[in-house]
Amino acid sequence: MQPAGSDAGVTVEVRLGPRLGPGRRTVALRAGATVADLVAVLAPDLGVAAARLDGVAVAVDGEVVGRGRALRDGETLALVLPVAGG
C-alpha cells in the first residue's frame, strides 16, 4: 500500500493487534515518513478513522516511539492497543 504519486523510500512491516485486523501489513512510504504518516496510511486500510488510532502506541524493537519518529527502511513496528480496565 503506497500513497499515489510518491516514491517508495521506506518499506516497513506492521504487526497489528488482534482488534485491528489480521496479522501483518507491509507498507511502503515516502522517504522521510514518520510514524504519524504510517498511522494515517494504515487507518483507511483498517477501515477506521485516523482519530480512532490516536490512543494506539507504536513500538519499534519493543520500545514505544513518538509519532514524529522517522521510519527506517526494513523496520518492523507493532501497534499496541491500550489496555482497558484496571
C-alpha atoms as a PDB file:
ATOM      1  CA  MET A   1       0.000   0.000   0.000  1.00  0.00           C
ATOM      2  CA  GLN A   2       1.685   3.153  -1.202  1.00  0.00           C
ATOM      3  CA  PRO A   3       0.308   6.675  -1.409  1.00  0.00           C
ATOM      4  CA  ALA A   4      -0.417   7.635  -5.005  1.00  0.00           C
ATOM      5  CA  GLY A   5       2.254   9.611  -6.769  1.00  0.00           C
ATOM      6  CA  SER A   6       5.036   9.000  -4.275  1.00  0.00           C
ATOM      7  CA  ASP A   7       8.367   7.217  -4.466  1.00  0.00           C
ATOM      8  CA  ALA A   8       8.683   4.327  -2.033  1.00  0.00           C
ATOM      9  CA  GLY A   9      11.532   5.485   0.139  1.00  0.00           C
ATOM     10  CA  VAL A  10      10.925   3.136   3.086  1.00  0.00           C
ATOM     11  CA  THR A  11       9.096  -0.136   3.455  1.00  0.00           C
ATOM     12  CA  VAL A  12       8.091  -1.311   6.911  1.00  0.00           C
ATOM     13  CA  GLU A  13       6.324  -4.339   8.380  1.00  0.00           C
ATOM     14  CA  VAL A  14       3.495  -3.605  10.790  1.00  0.00           C
ATOM     15  CA  ARG A  15       2.174  -6.145  13.293  1.00  0.00           C
ATOM     16  CA  LEU A  16      -1.433  -5.460  14.138  1.00  0.00           C
ATOM     17  CA  GLY A  17      -3.184  -6.033  17.432  1.00  0.00           C
ATOM     18  CA  PRO A  18      -5.973  -8.641  17.303  1.00  0.00           C
ATOM     19  CA  ARG A  19      -8.707  -5.989  17.448  1.00  0.00           C
ATOM     20  CA  LEU A  20      -7.238  -4.073  14.496  1.00  0.00           C
ATOM     21  CA  GLY A  21      -7.102  -6.800  11.885  1.00  0.00           C
ATOM     22  CA  PRO A  22      -5.376  -9.982  10.964  1.00  0.00           C
ATOM     23  CA  GLY A  23      -1.628 -10.394  11.168  1.00  0.00           C
ATOM     24  CA  ARG A  24       0.724  -8.029   9.431  1.00  0.00           C
ATOM     25  CA  ARG A  25       0.857  -5.382   6.766  1.00  0.00           C
ATOM     26  CA  THR A  26       3.755  -4.323   4.585  1.00  0.00           C
ATOM     27  CA  VAL A  27       3.605  -0.583   3.988  1.00  0.00           C
ATOM     28  CA  ALA A  28       5.661   1.473   1.511  1.00  0.00           C
ATOM     29  CA  LEU A  29       6.032   5.159   2.315  1.00  0.00           C
ATOM     30  CA  ARG A  30       7.992   8.128   1.006  1.00  0.00           C
ATOM     31  CA  ALA A  31      11.497   8.773   2.250  1.00  0.00           C
ATOM     32  CA  GLY A  32      11.393  10.748   5.484  1.00  0.00           C
ATOM     33  CA  ALA A  33       7.985   9.359   6.502  1.00  0.00           C
ATOM     34  CA  THR A  34       7.172   9.342  10.203  1.00  0.00           C
ATOM     35  CA  VAL A  35       5.131   7.124  12.492  1.00  0.00           C
ATOM     36  CA  ALA A  36       2.284   9.654  12.102  1.00  0.00           C
ATOM     37  CA  ASP A  37       2.417   9.200   8.308  1.00  0.00           C
ATOM     38  CA  LEU A  38       2.261   5.435   8.756  1.00  0.00           C
ATOM     39  CA  VAL A  39      -0.785   5.662  11.022  1.00  0.00           C
ATOM     40  CA  ALA A  40      -2.527   7.978   8.541  1.00  0.00           C
ATOM     41  CA  VAL A  41      -1.947   5.478   5.717  1.00  0.00           C
ATOM     42  CA  LEU A  42      -2.985   2.460   7.811  1.00  0.00           C
ATOM     43  CA  ALA A  43      -6.259   3.895   9.148  1.00  0.00           C
ATOM     44  CA  PRO A  44      -8.293   3.682   5.917  1.00  0.00           C
ATOM     45  CA  ASP A  45      -6.794   0.268   5.132  1.00  0.00           C
ATOM     46  CA  LEU A  46      -8.039  -0.931   8.518  1.00  0.00           C
ATOM     47  CA  GLY A  47     -11.439   0.644   7.905  1.00  0.00           C
ATOM     48  CA  VAL A  48     -11.181   3.149  10.761  1.00  0.00           C
ATOM     49  CA  ALA A  49     -10.883   6.901  11.096  1.00  0.00           C
ATOM     50  CA  ALA A  50      -7.349   8.072  11.832  1.00  0.00           C
ATOM     51  CA  ALA A  51      -8.638   9.607  15.098  1.00  0.00           C
ATOM     52  CA  ARG A  52      -9.561   6.113  16.311  1.00  0.00           C
ATOM     53  CA  LEU A  53      -5.857   5.240  16.262  1.00  0.00           C
ATOM     54  CA  ASP A  54      -4.860   8.237  18.418  1.00  0.00           C
ATOM     55  CA  GLY A  55      -4.655   6.071  21.545  1.00  0.00           C
ATOM     56  CA  VAL A  56      -2.681   3.309  19.854  1.00  0.00           C
ATOM     57  CA  ALA A  57       1.001   3.221  20.740  1.00  0.00           C
ATOM     58  CA  VAL A  58       3.569   2.251  18.126  1.00  0.00           C
ATOM     59  CA  ALA A  59       6.595   0.197  19.135  1.00  0.00           C
ATOM     60  CA  VAL A  60       9.843  -0.410  17.285  1.00  0.00           C
ATOM     61  CA  ASP A  61      12.052  -3.196  18.620  1.00  0.00           C
ATOM     62  CA  GLY A  62       9.903  -3.364  21.751  1.00  0.00           C
ATOM     63  CA  GLU A  63      10.230   0.355  22.528  1.00  0.00           C
ATOM     64  CA  VAL A  64       7.280   2.735  22.221  1.00  0.00           C
ATOM     65  CA  VAL A  65       8.155   5.640  19.931  1.00  0.00           C
ATOM     66  CA  GLY A  66       6.561   9.022  19.279  1.00  0.00           C
ATOM     67  CA  ARG A  67       4.522   9.926  16.213  1.00  0.00           C
ATOM     68  CA  GLY A  68       7.264  12.233  14.957  1.00  0.00           C
ATOM     69  CA  ARG A  69       9.897   9.491  14.747  1.00  0.00           C
ATOM     70  CA  ALA A  70      11.243   8.944  11.235  1.00  0.00           C
ATOM     71  CA  LEU A  71      10.852   5.434   9.853  1.00  0.00           C
ATOM     72  CA  ARG A  72      13.772   3.411   8.570  1.00  0.00           C
ATOM     73  CA  ASP A  73      13.590   1.003   5.669  1.00  0.00           C
ATOM     74  CA  GLY A  74      13.045  -2.598   6.774  1.00  0.00           C
ATOM     75  CA  GLU A  75      11.855  -1.849  10.306  1.00  0.00           C
ATOM     76  CA  THR A  76       9.164  -3.910  12.000  1.00  0.00           C
ATOM     77  CA  LEU A  77       6.644  -1.978  14.042  1.00  0.00           C
ATOM     78  CA  ALA A  78       3.841  -3.132  16.300  1.00  0.00           C
ATOM     79  CA  LEU A  79       0.614  -1.342  17.054  1.00  0.00           C
ATOM     80  CA  VAL A  80      -0.029  -1.607  20.788  1.00  0.00           C
ATOM     81  CA  LEU A  81      -3.637  -1.142  21.846  1.00  0.00           C
ATOM     82  CA  PRO A  82      -4.448   0.482  25.180  1.00  0.00           C
ATOM     83  CA  VAL A  83      -5.448  -1.922  27.926  1.00  0.00           C
ATOM     84  CA  ALA A  84      -8.944  -1.385  29.309  1.00  0.00           C
ATOM     85  CA  GLY A  85      -9.950  -1.975  32.889  1.00  0.00           C
ATOM     86  CA  GLY A  86      -7.908  -1.819  35.986  1.00  0.00           C
END
